[in-house]
Amino acid sequence: MACPNKKEAGMQQKDNLADSLNDLFTSVSNMVKSELQGTNNQLELLEKMNARVSEEYNGFGDVASGLRVNVEQLKGKSGNFEEYVHQIEEIEKQVTEFEAVISVLDKYVSLLESKVKFVYHQNQHPHQHQHQHQHPTS
């Protein structure tokens, strides 16, 4: 009779350990899902920002499309956390590349603004420029 009680006690300990491990896994899973939801929210914001930039700077839509695809992939997958980490790293890489594109665009817009101001200034004061460029004929 003593053996079944020991066996039963061992099974009870294994059940408690299994329950504890299950609770731990559930907690870690919930924590990672919360982290991923936060990341998804940030990526959705990036997606909206990308759409706006794509409208203004036609031709840079490929970067935004890549981010949009990654957001959809993250929403559609679950369970494999290593895959999530890999995808997040890829998205971070693309975000870094996108930030570089934004920097280039910002410099380009500044250059365009300078050119527009120069042309506007020339059009506002055409006589000043003509007098500066005219050579005396006598």
N, C-alpha and C. Protein backbone atom coordinates (compact mmCIF):
# COMPACT_ATOMS: atom_id res chain seq x y z
N MET A 1 0.80 -1.19 0.00
CA MET A 1 0.00 0.00 0.00
C MET A 1 0.85 1.27 0.00
N ALA A 2 2.07 1.16 0.54
CA ALA A 2 2.94 2.32 0.63
C ALA A 2 3.43 2.75 -0.75
N CYS A 3 3.63 1.80 -1.62
CA CYS A 3 4.14 2.13 -2.96
C CYS A 3 3.15 2.94 -3.77
N PRO A 4 1.85 2.55 -3.79
CA PRO A 4 0.93 3.38 -4.57
C PRO A 4 0.84 4.80 -4.03
N ASN A 5 0.94 5.01 -2.72
CA ASN A 5 0.87 6.36 -2.16
C ASN A 5 2.07 7.19 -2.61
N LYS A 6 3.26 6.56 -2.62
CA LYS A 6 4.45 7.27 -3.09
C LYS A 6 4.30 7.59 -4.58
N LYS A 7 3.80 6.60 -5.29
CA LYS A 7 3.60 6.79 -6.73
C LYS A 7 2.57 7.91 -6.96
N GLU A 8 1.51 7.88 -6.15
CA GLU A 8 0.47 8.90 -6.26
C GLU A 8 1.02 10.27 -5.89
N ALA A 9 1.86 10.32 -4.85
CA ALA A 9 2.46 11.59 -4.42
C ALA A 9 3.39 12.11 -5.53
N GLY A 10 4.15 11.21 -6.15
CA GLY A 10 5.03 11.61 -7.26
C GLY A 10 4.23 12.14 -8.43
N MET A 11 3.13 11.51 -8.75
CA MET A 11 2.26 11.99 -9.84
C MET A 11 1.69 13.36 -9.50
N GLN A 12 1.33 13.55 -8.21
CA GLN A 12 0.78 14.84 -7.78
C GLN A 12 1.84 15.94 -7.94
N GLN A 13 3.10 15.62 -7.58
CA GLN A 13 4.18 16.59 -7.74
C GLN A 13 4.40 16.91 -9.22
N LYS A 14 4.35 15.87 -10.06
CA LYS A 14 4.51 16.10 -11.50
C LYS A 14 3.37 16.96 -12.03
N ASP A 15 2.14 16.71 -11.54
CA ASP A 15 1.00 17.52 -11.96
C ASP A 15 1.18 18.97 -11.52
N ASN A 16 1.66 19.16 -10.29
CA ASN A 16 1.89 20.53 -9.79
C ASN A 16 2.98 21.22 -10.62
N LEU A 17 4.05 20.47 -10.91
CA LEU A 17 5.11 21.03 -11.74
C LEU A 17 4.59 21.36 -13.14
N ALA A 18 3.81 20.45 -13.71
CA ALA A 18 3.24 20.70 -15.04
C ALA A 18 2.32 21.92 -15.00
N ASP A 19 1.50 22.03 -13.94
CA ASP A 19 0.62 23.20 -13.81
C ASP A 19 1.44 24.48 -13.69
N SER A 20 2.50 24.44 -12.88
CA SER A 20 3.35 25.62 -12.70
C SER A 20 4.03 26.01 -14.01
N LEU A 21 4.54 25.01 -14.70
CA LEU A 21 5.17 25.30 -16.00
C LEU A 21 4.16 25.83 -17.00
N ASN A 22 2.98 25.27 -16.98
CA ASN A 22 1.91 25.75 -17.87
C ASN A 22 1.55 27.20 -17.54
N ASP A 23 1.45 27.50 -16.23
CA ASP A 23 1.17 28.88 -15.82
C ASP A 23 2.29 29.82 -16.25
N LEU A 24 3.54 29.37 -16.07
CA LEU A 24 4.68 30.18 -16.48
C LEU A 24 4.64 30.42 -17.99
N PHE A 25 4.42 29.37 -18.76
CA PHE A 25 4.37 29.53 -20.21
C PHE A 25 3.23 30.47 -20.61
N THR A 26 2.08 30.31 -19.96
CA THR A 26 0.93 31.18 -20.26
C THR A 26 1.28 32.63 -19.95
N SER A 27 1.94 32.86 -18.80
CA SER A 27 2.32 34.23 -18.44
C SER A 27 3.32 34.82 -19.43
N VAL A 28 4.33 34.02 -19.78
CA VAL A 28 5.31 34.50 -20.76
C VAL A 28 4.64 34.74 -22.11
N SER A 29 3.75 33.83 -22.48
CA SER A 29 3.02 33.97 -23.74
C SER A 29 2.20 35.26 -23.75
N ASN A 30 1.49 35.52 -22.65
CA ASN A 30 0.69 36.74 -22.56
C ASN A 30 1.57 37.99 -22.59
N MET A 31 2.74 37.91 -21.91
CA MET A 31 3.64 39.05 -21.91
C MET A 31 4.15 39.32 -23.33
N VAL A 32 4.57 38.26 -24.02
CA VAL A 32 5.07 38.44 -25.39
C VAL A 32 3.96 38.94 -26.31
N LYS A 33 2.75 38.39 -26.15
CA LYS A 33 1.63 38.86 -26.98
C LYS A 33 1.36 40.34 -26.73
N SER A 34 1.46 40.78 -25.45
CA SER A 34 1.26 42.19 -25.14
C SER A 34 2.35 43.04 -25.79
N GLU A 35 3.59 42.56 -25.69
CA GLU A 35 4.68 43.28 -26.34
C GLU A 35 4.44 43.37 -27.84
N LEU A 36 4.02 42.26 -28.43
CA LEU A 36 3.78 42.24 -29.87
C LEU A 36 2.61 43.14 -30.26
N GLN A 37 1.60 43.20 -29.38
CA GLN A 37 0.46 44.08 -29.67
C GLN A 37 0.93 45.54 -29.67
N GLY A 38 1.80 45.87 -28.68
CA GLY A 38 2.37 47.22 -28.67
C GLY A 38 3.16 47.50 -29.93
N THR A 39 3.93 46.51 -30.33
CA THR A 39 4.70 46.65 -31.57
C THR A 39 3.76 46.77 -32.77
N ASN A 40 2.70 45.97 -32.78
CA ASN A 40 1.72 46.08 -33.87
C ASN A 40 1.11 47.47 -33.91
N ASN A 41 0.79 48.03 -32.73
CA ASN A 41 0.22 49.37 -32.70
C ASN A 41 1.21 50.38 -33.27
N GLN A 42 2.49 50.24 -32.89
CA GLN A 42 3.50 51.15 -33.43
C GLN A 42 3.63 50.95 -34.94
N LEU A 43 3.58 49.71 -35.37
CA LEU A 43 3.70 49.44 -36.81
C LEU A 43 2.49 49.96 -37.58
N GLU A 44 1.30 49.90 -36.97
CA GLU A 44 0.13 50.46 -37.63
C GLU A 44 0.28 51.96 -37.77
N LEU A 45 0.84 52.61 -36.75
CA LEU A 45 1.10 54.05 -36.86
C LEU A 45 2.11 54.31 -37.97
N LEU A 46 3.17 53.51 -38.01
CA LEU A 46 4.14 53.64 -39.09
C LEU A 46 3.50 53.43 -40.45
N GLU A 47 2.59 52.48 -40.50
CA GLU A 47 1.91 52.21 -41.76
C GLU A 47 1.14 53.45 -42.22
N LYS A 48 0.45 54.10 -41.29
CA LYS A 48 -0.29 55.32 -41.65
C LYS A 48 0.66 56.43 -42.08
N MET A 49 1.78 56.55 -41.36
CA MET A 49 2.76 57.57 -41.73
C MET A 49 3.35 57.26 -43.10
N ASN A 50 3.61 55.99 -43.34
CA ASN A 50 4.16 55.58 -44.64
C ASN A 50 3.20 55.91 -45.77
N ALA A 51 1.92 55.70 -45.53
CA ALA A 51 0.93 56.00 -46.57
C ALA A 51 0.96 57.49 -46.90
N ARG A 52 1.08 58.31 -45.87
CA ARG A 52 1.13 59.76 -46.07
C ARG A 52 2.37 60.16 -46.87
N VAL A 53 3.51 59.60 -46.49
CA VAL A 53 4.76 59.91 -47.19
C VAL A 53 4.69 59.42 -48.63
N SER A 54 4.08 58.26 -48.83
CA SER A 54 3.96 57.72 -50.18
C SER A 54 3.14 58.64 -51.07
N GLU A 55 2.10 59.24 -50.49
CA GLU A 55 1.29 60.18 -51.28
C GLU A 55 2.12 61.38 -51.71
N GLU A 56 2.95 61.89 -50.78
CA GLU A 56 3.71 63.10 -51.08
C GLU A 56 4.95 62.81 -51.93
N TYR A 57 5.52 61.67 -51.73
CA TYR A 57 6.76 61.33 -52.43
C TYR A 57 6.53 60.04 -53.22
N ASN A 58 5.82 60.16 -54.29
CA ASN A 58 5.50 59.01 -55.12
C ASN A 58 6.80 58.35 -55.59
N GLY A 59 6.81 57.04 -55.52
CA GLY A 59 8.02 56.33 -55.90
C GLY A 59 8.73 55.71 -54.72
N PHE A 60 8.41 56.15 -53.51
CA PHE A 60 8.99 55.56 -52.31
C PHE A 60 7.99 54.61 -51.66
N GLY A 61 6.98 54.22 -52.38
CA GLY A 61 5.93 53.36 -51.87
C GLY A 61 6.38 51.94 -51.58
N ASP A 62 7.48 51.51 -52.20
CA ASP A 62 7.97 50.15 -51.97
C ASP A 62 8.32 49.92 -50.51
N VAL A 63 8.93 50.90 -49.89
CA VAL A 63 9.29 50.77 -48.47
C VAL A 63 8.03 50.64 -47.63
N ALA A 64 7.06 51.49 -47.91
CA ALA A 64 5.80 51.44 -47.15
C ALA A 64 5.09 50.11 -47.37
N SER A 65 5.11 49.61 -48.60
CA SER A 65 4.46 48.33 -48.89
C SER A 65 5.14 47.20 -48.12
N GLY A 66 6.45 47.23 -48.06
CA GLY A 66 7.18 46.22 -47.30
C GLY A 66 6.80 46.22 -45.84
N LEU A 67 6.67 47.40 -45.26
CA LEU A 67 6.25 47.48 -43.86
C LEU A 67 4.81 47.00 -43.69
N ARG A 68 3.95 47.36 -44.64
CA ARG A 68 2.56 46.94 -44.56
C ARG A 68 2.45 45.41 -44.61
N VAL A 69 3.25 44.79 -45.47
CA VAL A 69 3.25 43.33 -45.56
C VAL A 69 3.71 42.72 -44.24
N ASN A 70 4.76 43.28 -43.65
CA ASN A 70 5.26 42.75 -42.39
C ASN A 70 4.24 42.91 -41.26
N VAL A 71 3.51 44.01 -41.26
CA VAL A 71 2.47 44.19 -40.24
C VAL A 71 1.40 43.11 -40.40
N GLU A 72 0.99 42.85 -41.61
CA GLU A 72 -0.02 41.82 -41.84
C GLU A 72 0.49 40.44 -41.46
N GLN A 73 1.76 40.17 -41.75
CA GLN A 73 2.35 38.89 -41.37
C GLN A 73 2.37 38.73 -39.86
N LEU A 74 2.70 39.80 -39.16
CA LEU A 74 2.73 39.72 -37.69
C LEU A 74 1.33 39.48 -37.12
N LYS A 75 0.34 40.11 -37.70
CA LYS A 75 -1.03 39.92 -37.22
C LYS A 75 -1.51 38.50 -37.45
N GLY A 76 -1.08 37.89 -38.55
CA GLY A 76 -1.60 36.59 -38.94
C GLY A 76 -0.92 35.39 -38.29
N LYS A 77 0.21 35.60 -37.67
CA LYS A 77 0.95 34.46 -37.12
C LYS A 77 0.87 34.46 -35.60
N SER A 78 0.98 33.25 -35.01
CA SER A 78 1.04 33.15 -33.55
C SER A 78 1.76 31.88 -33.18
N GLY A 79 2.27 31.84 -31.96
CA GLY A 79 2.86 30.62 -31.44
C GLY A 79 4.35 30.52 -31.57
N ASN A 80 4.92 30.92 -32.66
CA ASN A 80 6.36 30.74 -32.85
C ASN A 80 7.05 32.06 -32.55
N PHE A 81 7.53 32.19 -31.31
CA PHE A 81 8.08 33.46 -30.86
C PHE A 81 9.40 33.80 -31.53
N GLU A 82 10.18 32.80 -31.90
CA GLU A 82 11.42 33.09 -32.60
C GLU A 82 11.13 33.74 -33.95
N GLU A 83 10.06 33.27 -34.60
CA GLU A 83 9.67 33.87 -35.87
C GLU A 83 9.26 35.34 -35.66
N TYR A 84 8.53 35.59 -34.56
CA TYR A 84 8.16 36.97 -34.23
C TYR A 84 9.40 37.83 -34.04
N VAL A 85 10.35 37.35 -33.28
CA VAL A 85 11.57 38.11 -33.02
C VAL A 85 12.29 38.39 -34.33
N HIS A 86 12.39 37.39 -35.18
CA HIS A 86 13.05 37.58 -36.49
C HIS A 86 12.32 38.64 -37.31
N GLN A 87 11.01 38.55 -37.34
CA GLN A 87 10.23 39.52 -38.13
C GLN A 87 10.38 40.93 -37.55
N ILE A 88 10.39 41.04 -36.24
CA ILE A 88 10.55 42.35 -35.60
C ILE A 88 11.92 42.92 -35.95
N GLU A 89 12.95 42.08 -35.92
CA GLU A 89 14.28 42.55 -36.30
C GLU A 89 14.30 43.02 -37.75
N GLU A 90 13.63 42.30 -38.62
CA GLU A 90 13.55 42.71 -40.03
C GLU A 90 12.81 44.04 -40.16
N ILE A 91 11.74 44.18 -39.40
CA ILE A 91 10.97 45.43 -39.45
C ILE A 91 11.81 46.58 -38.91
N GLU A 92 12.55 46.35 -37.83
CA GLU A 92 13.42 47.39 -37.30
C GLU A 92 14.46 47.79 -38.34
N LYS A 93 14.98 46.81 -39.06
CA LYS A 93 15.94 47.10 -40.13
C LYS A 93 15.29 47.97 -41.21
N GLN A 94 14.06 47.59 -41.59
CA GLN A 94 13.36 48.37 -42.62
C GLN A 94 13.01 49.77 -42.11
N VAL A 95 12.66 49.86 -40.83
CA VAL A 95 12.35 51.18 -40.27
C VAL A 95 13.60 52.06 -40.31
N THR A 96 14.75 51.46 -39.98
CA THR A 96 16.00 52.22 -40.04
C THR A 96 16.27 52.68 -41.47
N GLU A 97 16.05 51.79 -42.42
CA GLU A 97 16.22 52.16 -43.82
C GLU A 97 15.20 53.24 -44.22
N PHE A 98 14.00 53.10 -43.72
CA PHE A 98 12.97 54.09 -44.03
C PHE A 98 13.34 55.45 -43.44
N GLU A 99 13.90 55.44 -42.23
CA GLU A 99 14.33 56.70 -41.62
C GLU A 99 15.41 57.35 -42.47
N ALA A 100 16.30 56.54 -43.05
CA ALA A 100 17.32 57.09 -43.93
C ALA A 100 16.68 57.71 -45.17
N VAL A 101 15.67 57.04 -45.71
CA VAL A 101 14.95 57.58 -46.87
C VAL A 101 14.29 58.91 -46.49
N ILE A 102 13.67 58.94 -45.32
CA ILE A 102 13.02 60.18 -44.85
C ILE A 102 14.05 61.30 -44.73
N SER A 103 15.23 60.98 -44.23
CA SER A 103 16.29 61.98 -44.11
C SER A 103 16.67 62.54 -45.48
N VAL A 104 16.81 61.64 -46.46
CA VAL A 104 17.12 62.08 -47.82
C VAL A 104 15.99 62.95 -48.37
N LEU A 105 14.76 62.51 -48.12
CA LEU A 105 13.61 63.29 -48.60
C LEU A 105 13.57 64.67 -47.94
N ASP A 106 13.89 64.72 -46.67
CA ASP A 106 13.88 65.99 -45.95
C ASP A 106 14.91 66.95 -46.56
N LYS A 107 16.10 66.41 -46.87
CA LYS A 107 17.12 67.25 -47.51
C LYS A 107 16.67 67.69 -48.89
N TYR A 108 16.02 66.79 -49.62
CA TYR A 108 15.53 67.12 -50.95
C TYR A 108 14.46 68.22 -50.88
N VAL A 109 13.55 68.09 -49.91
CA VAL A 109 12.51 69.11 -49.74
C VAL A 109 13.13 70.44 -49.38
N SER A 110 14.15 70.44 -48.52
CA SER A 110 14.84 71.69 -48.16
C SER A 110 15.47 72.33 -49.40
N LEU A 111 16.08 71.50 -50.24
CA LEU A 111 16.68 72.01 -51.47
C LEU A 111 15.60 72.61 -52.37
N LEU A 112 14.48 71.90 -52.51
CA LEU A 112 13.38 72.42 -53.33
C LEU A 112 12.85 73.74 -52.77
N GLU A 113 12.72 73.82 -51.45
CA GLU A 113 12.25 75.06 -50.83
C GLU A 113 13.21 76.21 -51.14
N SER A 114 14.51 75.93 -51.06
CA SER A 114 15.50 76.97 -51.38
C SER A 114 15.36 77.43 -52.82
N LYS A 115 15.19 76.48 -53.72
CA LYS A 115 15.04 76.83 -55.13
C LYS A 115 13.77 77.65 -55.37
N VAL A 116 12.67 77.24 -54.74
CA VAL A 116 11.41 77.97 -54.89
C VAL A 116 11.55 79.38 -54.34
N LYS A 117 12.20 79.53 -53.20
CA LYS A 117 12.39 80.87 -52.61
C LYS A 117 13.26 81.73 -53.54
N PHE A 118 14.29 81.11 -54.11
CA PHE A 118 15.16 81.85 -55.01
C PHE A 118 14.39 82.33 -56.24
N VAL A 119 13.62 81.44 -56.85
CA VAL A 119 12.84 81.80 -58.03
C VAL A 119 11.79 82.85 -57.67
N TYR A 120 11.15 82.66 -56.52
CA TYR A 120 10.14 83.63 -56.07
C TYR A 120 10.79 85.00 -55.88
N HIS A 121 11.96 85.02 -55.25
CA HIS A 121 12.66 86.28 -55.02
C HIS A 121 13.04 86.93 -56.35
N GLN A 122 13.48 86.11 -57.31
CA GLN A 122 13.82 86.66 -58.63
C GLN A 122 12.58 87.25 -59.30
N ASN A 123 11.47 86.60 -59.18
CA ASN A 123 10.23 87.07 -59.81
C ASN A 123 9.69 88.31 -59.11
N GLN A 124 9.95 88.47 -57.84
CA GLN A 124 9.48 89.64 -57.10
C GLN A 124 10.34 90.88 -57.39
N HIS A 125 11.60 90.65 -57.69
CA HIS A 125 12.52 91.77 -57.92
C HIS A 125 13.29 91.56 -59.23
N PRO A 126 12.57 91.52 -60.35
CA PRO A 126 13.27 91.21 -61.62
C PRO A 126 14.23 92.32 -62.05
N HIS A 127 13.94 93.59 -61.68
CA HIS A 127 14.77 94.70 -62.14
C HIS A 127 16.12 94.68 -61.46
N GLN A 128 16.17 94.26 -60.22
CA GLN A 128 17.45 94.20 -59.52
C GLN A 128 18.40 93.25 -60.23
N HIS A 129 17.88 92.12 -60.67
CA HIS A 129 18.73 91.14 -61.32
C HIS A 129 19.13 91.59 -62.72
N GLN A 130 18.22 92.30 -63.40
CA GLN A 130 18.55 92.77 -64.74
C GLN A 130 19.63 93.84 -64.69
N HIS A 131 19.51 94.75 -63.69
CA HIS A 131 20.51 95.81 -63.57
C HIS A 131 21.87 95.24 -63.21
N GLN A 132 21.88 94.21 -62.42
CA GLN A 132 23.14 93.61 -62.01
C GLN A 132 23.83 92.93 -63.19
N HIS A 133 23.07 92.39 -64.11
CA HIS A 133 23.64 91.65 -65.22
C HIS A 133 23.89 92.48 -66.47
N GLN A 134 23.33 93.72 -66.52
CA GLN A 134 23.52 94.55 -67.71
C GLN A 134 24.91 95.19 -67.69
N HIS A 135 25.55 95.23 -68.86
CA HIS A 135 26.86 95.87 -68.97
C HIS A 135 26.66 97.21 -69.64
N PRO A 136 27.37 98.18 -69.21
CA PRO A 136 27.23 99.50 -69.88
C PRO A 136 27.71 99.43 -71.33
N THR A 137 26.91 100.04 -72.23
CA THR A 137 27.24 99.99 -73.66
C THR A 137 28.11 101.18 -74.06
N SER A 138 28.18 102.23 -73.26
CA SER A 138 28.97 103.40 -73.63
C SER A 138 30.30 103.41 -72.94
